[in-house]
Full PDB file with SEQRES, HELIX, SHEET, SSBOND, CRYST1, ORIGX, SCALE, CONECT and MASTER records, all heavy atoms in Angstrom:
SEQRES   1 A   35  MET THR ARG LEU THR ALA ARG GLU ALA LEU SER TYR GLY          
SEQRES   2 A   35  MET PHE GLY SER THR THR LYS LEU GLN ASP GLU LEU ASN          
SEQRES   3 A   35  PRO GLY GLY GLY ASP ILE LYS SER GLY                          
HELIX    1 AA1 ALA A    6  PHE A   15  1                                  10    
HELIX    2 AA2 LYS A   20  LEU A   25  1                                   6    
HELIX    3 AA3 ILE A   32  SER A   34  5                                   3    
CRYST1    1.000    1.000    1.000  90.00  90.00  90.00 P 1           1          
ORIGX1      1.000000  0.000000  0.000000        0.00000                         
ORIGX2      0.000000  1.000000  0.000000        0.00000                         
ORIGX3      0.000000  0.000000  1.000000        0.00000                         
SCALE1      1.000000  0.000000  0.000000        0.00000                         
SCALE2      0.000000  1.000000  0.000000        0.00000                         
SCALE3      0.000000  0.000000  1.000000        0.00000                         
ATOM      1  N   MET A   1      -5.398  -6.758  19.650  1.00  0.00           N  
ATOM      2  CA  MET A   1      -5.893  -6.760  18.283  1.00  0.00           C  
ATOM      3  C   MET A   1      -5.496  -5.442  17.626  1.00  0.00           C  
ATOM      4  O   MET A   1      -5.804  -4.369  18.100  1.00  0.00           O  
ATOM      5  CB  MET A   1      -7.411  -6.928  18.307  1.00  0.00           C  
ATOM      6  CG  MET A   1      -8.036  -6.867  16.939  1.00  0.00           C  
ATOM      7  SD  MET A   1      -9.764  -7.320  16.898  1.00  0.00           S  
ATOM      8  CE  MET A   1     -10.546  -5.837  17.466  1.00  0.00           C  
ATOM      9  N   THR A   2      -4.795  -5.558  16.531  1.00  0.00           N  
ATOM     10  CA  THR A   2      -4.356  -4.392  15.781  1.00  0.00           C  
ATOM     11  C   THR A   2      -5.336  -4.134  14.650  1.00  0.00           C  
ATOM     12  O   THR A   2      -5.796  -5.045  13.989  1.00  0.00           O  
ATOM     13  CB  THR A   2      -2.949  -4.635  15.197  1.00  0.00           C  
ATOM     14  OG1 THR A   2      -2.083  -5.027  16.253  1.00  0.00           O  
ATOM     15  CG2 THR A   2      -2.420  -3.382  14.545  1.00  0.00           C  
ATOM     16  N   ARG A   3      -5.645  -2.854  14.433  1.00  0.00           N  
ATOM     17  CA  ARG A   3      -6.555  -2.477  13.360  1.00  0.00           C  
ATOM     18  C   ARG A   3      -5.736  -1.893  12.211  1.00  0.00           C  
ATOM     19  O   ARG A   3      -4.790  -1.144  12.413  1.00  0.00           O  
ATOM     20  CB  ARG A   3      -7.561  -1.413  13.838  1.00  0.00           C  
ATOM     21  CG  ARG A   3      -8.400  -1.790  15.031  1.00  0.00           C  
ATOM     22  CD  ARG A   3      -9.351  -2.916  14.804  1.00  0.00           C  
ATOM     23  NE  ARG A   3     -10.365  -2.578  13.807  1.00  0.00           N  
ATOM     24  CZ  ARG A   3     -11.268  -3.434  13.386  1.00  0.00           C  
ATOM     25  NH1 ARG A   3     -11.279  -4.670  13.835  1.00  0.00           N  
ATOM     26  NH2 ARG A   3     -12.157  -3.094  12.496  1.00  0.00           N  
ATOM     27  N   LEU A   4      -6.103  -2.266  10.993  1.00  0.00           N  
ATOM     28  CA  LEU A   4      -5.471  -1.737   9.793  1.00  0.00           C  
ATOM     29  C   LEU A   4      -6.431  -0.764   9.129  1.00  0.00           C  
ATOM     30  O   LEU A   4      -7.627  -1.018   9.062  1.00  0.00           O  
ATOM     31  CB  LEU A   4      -5.153  -2.858   8.804  1.00  0.00           C  
ATOM     32  CG  LEU A   4      -4.139  -3.919   9.215  1.00  0.00           C  
ATOM     33  CD1 LEU A   4      -4.027  -4.976   8.128  1.00  0.00           C  
ATOM     34  CD2 LEU A   4      -2.792  -3.304   9.481  1.00  0.00           C  
ATOM     35  N   THR A   5      -5.893   0.326   8.608  1.00  0.00           N  
ATOM     36  CA  THR A   5      -6.712   1.224   7.811  1.00  0.00           C  
ATOM     37  C   THR A   5      -6.999   0.557   6.470  1.00  0.00           C  
ATOM     38  O   THR A   5      -6.386  -0.452   6.122  1.00  0.00           O  
ATOM     39  CB  THR A   5      -5.999   2.569   7.568  1.00  0.00           C  
ATOM     40  OG1 THR A   5      -4.824   2.322   6.781  1.00  0.00           O  
ATOM     41  CG2 THR A   5      -5.619   3.248   8.871  1.00  0.00           C  
ATOM     42  N   ALA A   6      -7.919   1.123   5.715  1.00  0.00           N  
ATOM     43  CA  ALA A   6      -8.248   0.554   4.404  1.00  0.00           C  
ATOM     44  C   ALA A   6      -7.030   0.600   3.489  1.00  0.00           C  
ATOM     45  O   ALA A   6      -6.781  -0.328   2.723  1.00  0.00           O  
ATOM     46  CB  ALA A   6      -9.420   1.315   3.797  1.00  0.00           C  
ATOM     47  N   ARG A   7      -6.267   1.675   3.565  1.00  0.00           N  
ATOM     48  CA  ARG A   7      -5.071   1.783   2.721  1.00  0.00           C  
ATOM     49  C   ARG A   7      -4.052   0.710   3.078  1.00  0.00           C  
ATOM     50  O   ARG A   7      -3.448   0.099   2.200  1.00  0.00           O  
ATOM     51  CB  ARG A   7      -4.450   3.171   2.878  1.00  0.00           C  
ATOM     52  CG  ARG A   7      -3.274   3.394   1.950  1.00  0.00           C  
ATOM     53  CD  ARG A   7      -2.827   4.805   1.971  1.00  0.00           C  
ATOM     54  NE  ARG A   7      -3.852   5.605   1.326  1.00  0.00           N  
ATOM     55  CZ  ARG A   7      -3.681   6.839   0.902  1.00  0.00           C  
ATOM     56  NH1 ARG A   7      -2.527   7.417   1.039  1.00  0.00           N  
ATOM     57  NH2 ARG A   7      -4.656   7.500   0.339  1.00  0.00           N  
ATOM     58  N   GLU A   8      -3.866   0.441   4.365  1.00  0.00           N  
ATOM     59  CA  GLU A   8      -2.925  -0.595   4.787  1.00  0.00           C  
ATOM     60  C   GLU A   8      -3.420  -1.982   4.384  1.00  0.00           C  
ATOM     61  O   GLU A   8      -2.632  -2.824   3.939  1.00  0.00           O  
ATOM     62  CB  GLU A   8      -2.725  -0.535   6.300  1.00  0.00           C  
ATOM     63  CG  GLU A   8      -1.978   0.686   6.775  1.00  0.00           C  
ATOM     64  CD  GLU A   8      -1.984   0.846   8.283  1.00  0.00           C  
ATOM     65  OE1 GLU A   8      -2.899   0.322   8.941  1.00  0.00           O  
ATOM     66  OE2 GLU A   8      -1.071   1.518   8.800  1.00  0.00           O  
ATOM     67  N   ALA A   9      -4.725  -2.229   4.524  1.00  0.00           N  
ATOM     68  CA  ALA A   9      -5.280  -3.531   4.156  1.00  0.00           C  
ATOM     69  C   ALA A   9      -5.139  -3.781   2.656  1.00  0.00           C  
ATOM     70  O   ALA A   9      -4.719  -4.855   2.229  1.00  0.00           O  
ATOM     71  CB  ALA A   9      -6.743  -3.617   4.574  1.00  0.00           C  
ATOM     72  N   LEU A  10      -5.469  -2.788   1.833  1.00  0.00           N  
ATOM     73  CA  LEU A  10      -5.352  -2.948   0.384  1.00  0.00           C  
ATOM     74  C   LEU A  10      -3.892  -3.023  -0.041  1.00  0.00           C  
ATOM     75  O   LEU A  10      -3.555  -3.725  -0.995  1.00  0.00           O  
ATOM     76  CB  LEU A  10      -6.075  -1.813  -0.337  1.00  0.00           C  
ATOM     77  CG  LEU A  10      -7.599  -1.862  -0.199  1.00  0.00           C  
ATOM     78  CD1 LEU A  10      -8.227  -0.588  -0.731  1.00  0.00           C  
ATOM     79  CD2 LEU A  10      -8.175  -3.075  -0.890  1.00  0.00           C  
ATOM     80  N   SER A  11      -3.014  -2.313   0.664  1.00  0.00           N  
ATOM     81  CA  SER A  11      -1.586  -2.397   0.374  1.00  0.00           C  
ATOM     82  C   SER A  11      -1.076  -3.808   0.633  1.00  0.00           C  
ATOM     83  O   SER A  11      -0.284  -4.352  -0.138  1.00  0.00           O  
ATOM     84  CB  SER A  11      -0.819  -1.395   1.234  1.00  0.00           C  
ATOM     85  OG  SER A  11       0.565  -1.488   1.007  1.00  0.00           O  
ATOM     86  N   TYR A  12      -1.545  -4.428   1.703  1.00  0.00           N  
ATOM     87  CA  TYR A  12      -1.147  -5.804   1.985  1.00  0.00           C  
ATOM     88  C   TYR A  12      -1.670  -6.747   0.902  1.00  0.00           C  
ATOM     89  O   TYR A  12      -0.974  -7.666   0.478  1.00  0.00           O  
ATOM     90  CB  TYR A  12      -1.646  -6.242   3.358  1.00  0.00           C  
ATOM     91  CG  TYR A  12      -1.173  -7.618   3.723  1.00  0.00           C  
ATOM     92  CD1 TYR A  12       0.113  -7.817   4.186  1.00  0.00           C  
ATOM     93  CD2 TYR A  12      -1.990  -8.725   3.554  1.00  0.00           C  
ATOM     94  CE1 TYR A  12       0.574  -9.088   4.487  1.00  0.00           C  
ATOM     95  CE2 TYR A  12      -1.540  -9.996   3.855  1.00  0.00           C  
ATOM     96  CZ  TYR A  12      -0.261 -10.166   4.327  1.00  0.00           C  
ATOM     97  OH  TYR A  12       0.193 -11.421   4.610  1.00  0.00           O  
ATOM     98  N   GLY A  13      -2.897  -6.500   0.440  1.00  0.00           N  
ATOM     99  CA  GLY A  13      -3.464  -7.330  -0.606  1.00  0.00           C  
ATOM    100  C   GLY A  13      -2.748  -7.198  -1.933  1.00  0.00           C  
ATOM    101  O   GLY A  13      -2.664  -8.152  -2.702  1.00  0.00           O  
ATOM    102  N   MET A  14      -2.209  -6.016  -2.218  1.00  0.00           N  
ATOM    103  CA  MET A  14      -1.531  -5.791  -3.492  1.00  0.00           C  
ATOM    104  C   MET A  14      -0.053  -6.173  -3.451  1.00  0.00           C  
ATOM    105  O   MET A  14       0.464  -6.761  -4.386  1.00  0.00           O  
ATOM    106  CB  MET A  14      -1.650  -4.312  -3.882  1.00  0.00           C  
ATOM    107  CG  MET A  14      -3.044  -3.879  -4.231  1.00  0.00           C  
ATOM    108  SD  MET A  14      -3.158  -2.105  -4.474  1.00  0.00           S  
ATOM    109  CE  MET A  14      -2.131  -1.876  -5.912  1.00  0.00           C  
ATOM    110  N   PHE A  15       0.627  -5.779  -2.379  1.00  0.00           N  
ATOM    111  CA  PHE A  15       2.085  -5.896  -2.337  1.00  0.00           C  
ATOM    112  C   PHE A  15       2.617  -6.851  -1.272  1.00  0.00           C  
ATOM    113  O   PHE A  15       3.804  -7.136  -1.249  1.00  0.00           O  
ATOM    114  CB  PHE A  15       2.712  -4.520  -2.093  1.00  0.00           C  
ATOM    115  CG  PHE A  15       2.366  -3.492  -3.122  1.00  0.00           C  
ATOM    116  CD1 PHE A  15       1.416  -2.526  -2.858  1.00  0.00           C  
ATOM    117  CD2 PHE A  15       2.983  -3.496  -4.352  1.00  0.00           C  
ATOM    118  CE1 PHE A  15       1.090  -1.575  -3.812  1.00  0.00           C  
ATOM    119  CE2 PHE A  15       2.665  -2.555  -5.310  1.00  0.00           C  
ATOM    120  CZ  PHE A  15       1.719  -1.590  -5.037  1.00  0.00           C  
ATOM    121  N   GLY A  16       1.764  -7.293  -0.339  1.00  0.00           N  
ATOM    122  CA  GLY A  16       2.251  -8.110   0.771  1.00  0.00           C  
ATOM    123  C   GLY A  16       2.897  -7.278   1.851  1.00  0.00           C  
ATOM    124  O   GLY A  16       3.519  -7.796   2.763  1.00  0.00           O  
ATOM    125  N   SER A  17       2.743  -5.967   1.779  1.00  0.00           N  
ATOM    126  CA  SER A  17       3.303  -5.035   2.756  1.00  0.00           C  
ATOM    127  C   SER A  17       2.245  -3.982   3.065  1.00  0.00           C  
ATOM    128  O   SER A  17       1.561  -3.515   2.157  1.00  0.00           O  
ATOM    129  CB  SER A  17       4.551  -4.353   2.203  1.00  0.00           C  
ATOM    130  OG  SER A  17       4.904  -3.238   2.979  1.00  0.00           O  
ATOM    131  N   THR A  18       2.101  -3.617   4.327  1.00  0.00           N  
ATOM    132  CA  THR A  18       1.068  -2.650   4.693  1.00  0.00           C  
ATOM    133  C   THR A  18       1.467  -1.211   4.406  1.00  0.00           C  
ATOM    134  O   THR A  18       0.643  -0.316   4.504  1.00  0.00           O  
ATOM    135  CB  THR A  18       0.707  -2.780   6.179  1.00  0.00           C  
ATOM    136  OG1 THR A  18       1.876  -2.582   6.969  1.00  0.00           O  
ATOM    137  CG2 THR A  18       0.095  -4.133   6.475  1.00  0.00           C  
ATOM    138  N   THR A  19       2.717  -0.950   4.034  1.00  0.00           N  
ATOM    139  CA  THR A  19       3.164   0.433   3.809  1.00  0.00           C  
ATOM    140  C   THR A  19       3.446   0.755   2.349  1.00  0.00           C  
ATOM    141  O   THR A  19       3.616   1.918   2.002  1.00  0.00           O  
ATOM    142  CB  THR A  19       4.447   0.703   4.612  1.00  0.00           C  
ATOM    143  OG1 THR A  19       5.449  -0.226   4.208  1.00  0.00           O  
ATOM    144  CG2 THR A  19       4.200   0.574   6.097  1.00  0.00           C  
ATOM    145  N   LYS A  20       3.503  -0.211   1.483  1.00  0.00           N  
ATOM    146  CA  LYS A  20       3.935   0.004   0.096  1.00  0.00           C  
ATOM    147  C   LYS A  20       2.973   0.892  -0.695  1.00  0.00           C  
ATOM    148  O   LYS A  20       3.401   1.727  -1.484  1.00  0.00           O  
ATOM    149  CB  LYS A  20       4.084  -1.354  -0.585  1.00  0.00           C  
ATOM    150  CG  LYS A  20       4.578  -1.288  -1.986  1.00  0.00           C  
ATOM    151  CD  LYS A  20       6.049  -1.382  -2.052  1.00  0.00           C  
ATOM    152  CE  LYS A  20       6.468  -1.597  -3.489  1.00  0.00           C  
ATOM    153  NZ  LYS A  20       7.645  -0.942  -3.852  1.00  0.00           N  
ATOM    154  N   LEU A  21       1.662   0.749  -0.512  1.00  0.00           N  
ATOM    155  CA  LEU A  21       0.697   1.528  -1.280  1.00  0.00           C  
ATOM    156  C   LEU A  21       0.841   3.013  -0.999  1.00  0.00           C  
ATOM    157  O   LEU A  21       0.691   3.834  -1.896  1.00  0.00           O  
ATOM    158  CB  LEU A  21      -0.732   1.055  -0.983  1.00  0.00           C  
ATOM    159  CG  LEU A  21      -1.851   1.721  -1.768  1.00  0.00           C  
ATOM    160  CD1 LEU A  21      -1.670   1.523  -3.266  1.00  0.00           C  
ATOM    161  CD2 LEU A  21      -3.203   1.206  -1.332  1.00  0.00           C  
ATOM    162  N   GLN A  22       1.147   3.379   0.235  1.00  0.00           N  
ATOM    163  CA  GLN A  22       1.339   4.793   0.580  1.00  0.00           C  
ATOM    164  C   GLN A  22       2.470   5.382  -0.251  1.00  0.00           C  
ATOM    165  O   GLN A  22       2.351   6.484  -0.780  1.00  0.00           O  
ATOM    166  CB  GLN A  22       1.650   4.930   2.071  1.00  0.00           C  
ATOM    167  CG  GLN A  22       1.857   6.356   2.533  1.00  0.00           C  
ATOM    168  CD  GLN A  22       0.605   7.194   2.446  1.00  0.00           C  
ATOM    169  OE1 GLN A  22      -0.485   6.718   2.715  1.00  0.00           O  
ATOM    170  NE2 GLN A  22       0.743   8.439   2.053  1.00  0.00           N  
ATOM    171  N   ASP A  23       3.563   4.650  -0.394  1.00  0.00           N  
ATOM    172  CA  ASP A  23       4.697   5.127  -1.188  1.00  0.00           C  
ATOM    173  C   ASP A  23       4.332   5.235  -2.660  1.00  0.00           C  
ATOM    174  O   ASP A  23       4.740   6.166  -3.347  1.00  0.00           O  
ATOM    175  CB  ASP A  23       5.901   4.188  -1.031  1.00  0.00           C  
ATOM    176  CG  ASP A  23       6.385   4.116   0.403  1.00  0.00           C  
ATOM    177  OD1 ASP A  23       6.130   5.080   1.157  1.00  0.00           O  
ATOM    178  OD2 ASP A  23       6.992   3.103   0.774  1.00  0.00           O  
ATOM    179  N   GLU A  24       3.550   4.267  -3.163  1.00  0.00           N  
ATOM    180  CA  GLU A  24       3.198   4.247  -4.584  1.00  0.00           C  
ATOM    181  C   GLU A  24       2.216   5.353  -4.947  1.00  0.00           C  
ATOM    182  O   GLU A  24       2.208   5.826  -6.078  1.00  0.00           O  
ATOM    183  CB  GLU A  24       2.614   2.889  -4.974  1.00  0.00           C  
ATOM    184  CG  GLU A  24       3.519   1.710  -4.716  1.00  0.00           C  
ATOM    185  CD  GLU A  24       4.789   1.723  -5.539  1.00  0.00           C  
ATOM    186  OE1 GLU A  24       4.784   2.273  -6.652  1.00  0.00           O  
ATOM    187  OE2 GLU A  24       5.810   1.210  -5.058  1.00  0.00           O  
ATOM    188  N   LEU A  25       1.359   5.764  -4.011  1.00  0.00           N  
ATOM    189  CA  LEU A  25       0.355   6.795  -4.302  1.00  0.00           C  
ATOM    190  C   LEU A  25       0.891   8.212  -4.150  1.00  0.00           C  
ATOM    191  O   LEU A  25       0.239   9.158  -4.573  1.00  0.00           O  
ATOM    192  CB  LEU A  25      -0.871   6.615  -3.394  1.00  0.00           C  
ATOM    193  CG  LEU A  25      -1.740   5.389  -3.691  1.00  0.00           C  
ATOM    194  CD1 LEU A  25      -2.842   5.274  -2.660  1.00  0.00           C  
ATOM    195  CD2 LEU A  25      -2.324   5.458  -5.081  1.00  0.00           C  
ATOM    196  N   ASN A  26       2.044   8.382  -3.543  1.00  0.00           N  
ATOM    197  CA  ASN A  26       2.622   9.721  -3.405  1.00  0.00           C  
ATOM    198  C   ASN A  26       2.942  10.290  -4.784  1.00  0.00           C  
ATOM    199  O   ASN A  26       3.352   9.559  -5.683  1.00  0.00           O  
ATOM    200  CB  ASN A  26       3.904   9.677  -2.562  1.00  0.00           C  
ATOM    201  CG  ASN A  26       3.600   9.543  -1.098  1.00  0.00           C  
ATOM    202  OD1 ASN A  26       2.521   9.879  -0.636  1.00  0.00           O  
ATOM    203  ND2 ASN A  26       4.566   9.038  -0.357  1.00  0.00           N  
ATOM    204  N   PRO A  27       2.779  11.603  -4.956  1.00  0.00           N  
ATOM    205  CA  PRO A  27       3.126  12.202  -6.251  1.00  0.00           C  
ATOM    206  C   PRO A  27       4.601  11.964  -6.567  1.00  0.00           C  
ATOM    207  O   PRO A  27       5.461  12.149  -5.718  1.00  0.00           O  
ATOM    208  CB  PRO A  27       2.846  13.691  -6.055  1.00  0.00           C  
ATOM    209  CG  PRO A  27       1.970  13.787  -4.861  1.00  0.00           C  
ATOM    210  CD  PRO A  27       2.247  12.580  -4.022  1.00  0.00           C  
ATOM    211  N   GLY A  28       4.871  11.514  -7.773  1.00  0.00           N  
ATOM    212  CA  GLY A  28       6.244  11.209  -8.165  1.00  0.00           C  
ATOM    213  C   GLY A  28       6.747   9.925  -7.552  1.00  0.00           C  
ATOM    214  O   GLY A  28       7.927   9.632  -7.591  1.00  0.00           O  
ATOM    215  N   GLY A  29       5.837   9.145  -6.974  1.00  0.00           N  
ATOM    216  CA  GLY A  29       6.215   7.890  -6.332  1.00  0.00           C  
ATOM    217  C   GLY A  29       6.464   6.799  -7.345  1.00  0.00           C  
ATOM    218  O   GLY A  29       6.706   7.036  -8.524  1.00  0.00           O  
ATOM    219  N   GLY A  30       6.339   5.589  -6.889  1.00  0.00           N  
ATOM    220  CA  GLY A  30       6.625   4.435  -7.730  1.00  0.00           C  
ATOM    221  C   GLY A  30       5.478   4.093  -8.668  1.00  0.00           C  
ATOM    222  O   GLY A  30       4.610   4.909  -8.957  1.00  0.00           O  
ATOM    223  N   ASP A  31       5.485   2.875  -9.102  1.00  0.00           N  
ATOM    224  CA  ASP A  31       4.504   2.391 -10.064  1.00  0.00           C  
ATOM    225  C   ASP A  31       3.515   1.493  -9.346  1.00  0.00           C  
ATOM    226  O   ASP A  31       3.886   0.434  -8.840  1.00  0.00           O  
ATOM    227  CB  ASP A  31       5.218   1.616 -11.181  1.00  0.00           C  
ATOM    228  CG  ASP A  31       4.260   1.127 -12.244  1.00  0.00           C  
ATOM    229  OD1 ASP A  31       3.140   1.667 -12.321  1.00  0.00           O  
ATOM    230  OD2 ASP A  31       4.638   0.226 -12.992  1.00  0.00           O  
ATOM    231  N   ILE A  32       2.261   1.919  -9.290  1.00  0.00           N  
ATOM    232  CA  ILE A  32       1.235   1.161  -8.577  1.00  0.00           C  
ATOM    233  C   ILE A  32       0.952  -0.173  -9.266  1.00  0.00           C  
ATOM    234  O   ILE A  32       0.446  -1.099  -8.665  1.00  0.00           O  
ATOM    235  CB  ILE A  32      -0.048   2.000  -8.427  1.00  0.00           C  
ATOM    236  CG1 ILE A  32      -0.929   1.421  -7.338  1.00  0.00           C  
ATOM    237  CG2 ILE A  32      -0.798   2.094  -9.719  1.00  0.00           C  
ATOM    238  CD1 ILE A  32      -2.045   2.312  -6.912  1.00  0.00           C  
ATOM    239  N   LYS A  33       1.333  -0.305 -10.527  1.00  0.00           N  
ATOM    240  CA  LYS A  33       1.087  -1.534 -11.277  1.00  0.00           C  
ATOM    241  C   LYS A  33       2.085  -2.632 -10.929  1.00  0.00           C  
ATOM    242  O   LYS A  33       1.986  -3.736 -11.447  1.00  0.00           O  
ATOM    243  CB  LYS A  33       1.136  -1.246 -12.773  1.00  0.00           C  
ATOM    244  CG  LYS A  33       0.015  -0.329 -13.208  1.00  0.00           C  
ATOM    245  CD  LYS A  33       0.077  -0.037 -14.676  1.00  0.00           C  
ATOM    246  CE  LYS A  33      -1.082   0.863 -15.029  1.00  0.00           C  
ATOM    247  NZ  LYS A  33      -0.734   2.001 -15.783  1.00  0.00           N  
ATOM    248  N   SER A  34       3.040  -2.354 -10.060  1.00  0.00           N  
ATOM    249  CA  SER A  34       4.050  -3.360  -9.722  1.00  0.00           C  
ATOM    250  C   SER A  34       3.548  -4.376  -8.709  1.00  0.00           C  
ATOM    251  O   SER A  34       4.254  -5.321  -8.393  1.00  0.00           O  
ATOM    252  CB  SER A  34       5.310  -2.676  -9.185  1.00  0.00           C  
ATOM    253  OG  SER A  34       5.027  -2.030  -7.963  1.00  0.00           O  
ATOM    254  N   GLY A  35       2.340  -4.210  -8.205  1.00  0.00           N  
ATOM    255  CA  GLY A  35       1.792  -5.148  -7.230  1.00  0.00           C  
ATOM    256  C   GLY A  35       1.364  -6.448  -7.876  1.00  0.00           C  
ATOM    257  O   GLY A  35       1.177  -6.546  -9.087  1.00  0.00           O  
TER     258      GLY A  35                                                      
MASTER        0    0    0    3    0    0    0    6  257    1    0    3          
END                                                                             
């Protein structure tokens, strides 16, 4: 059983990927509204 952090779980809910939210929240990153 794999555990997801809250950031990974919400990233999956927004983008369908567990890593995308981390990239979007970085300073100068992408657009969080693209989910």
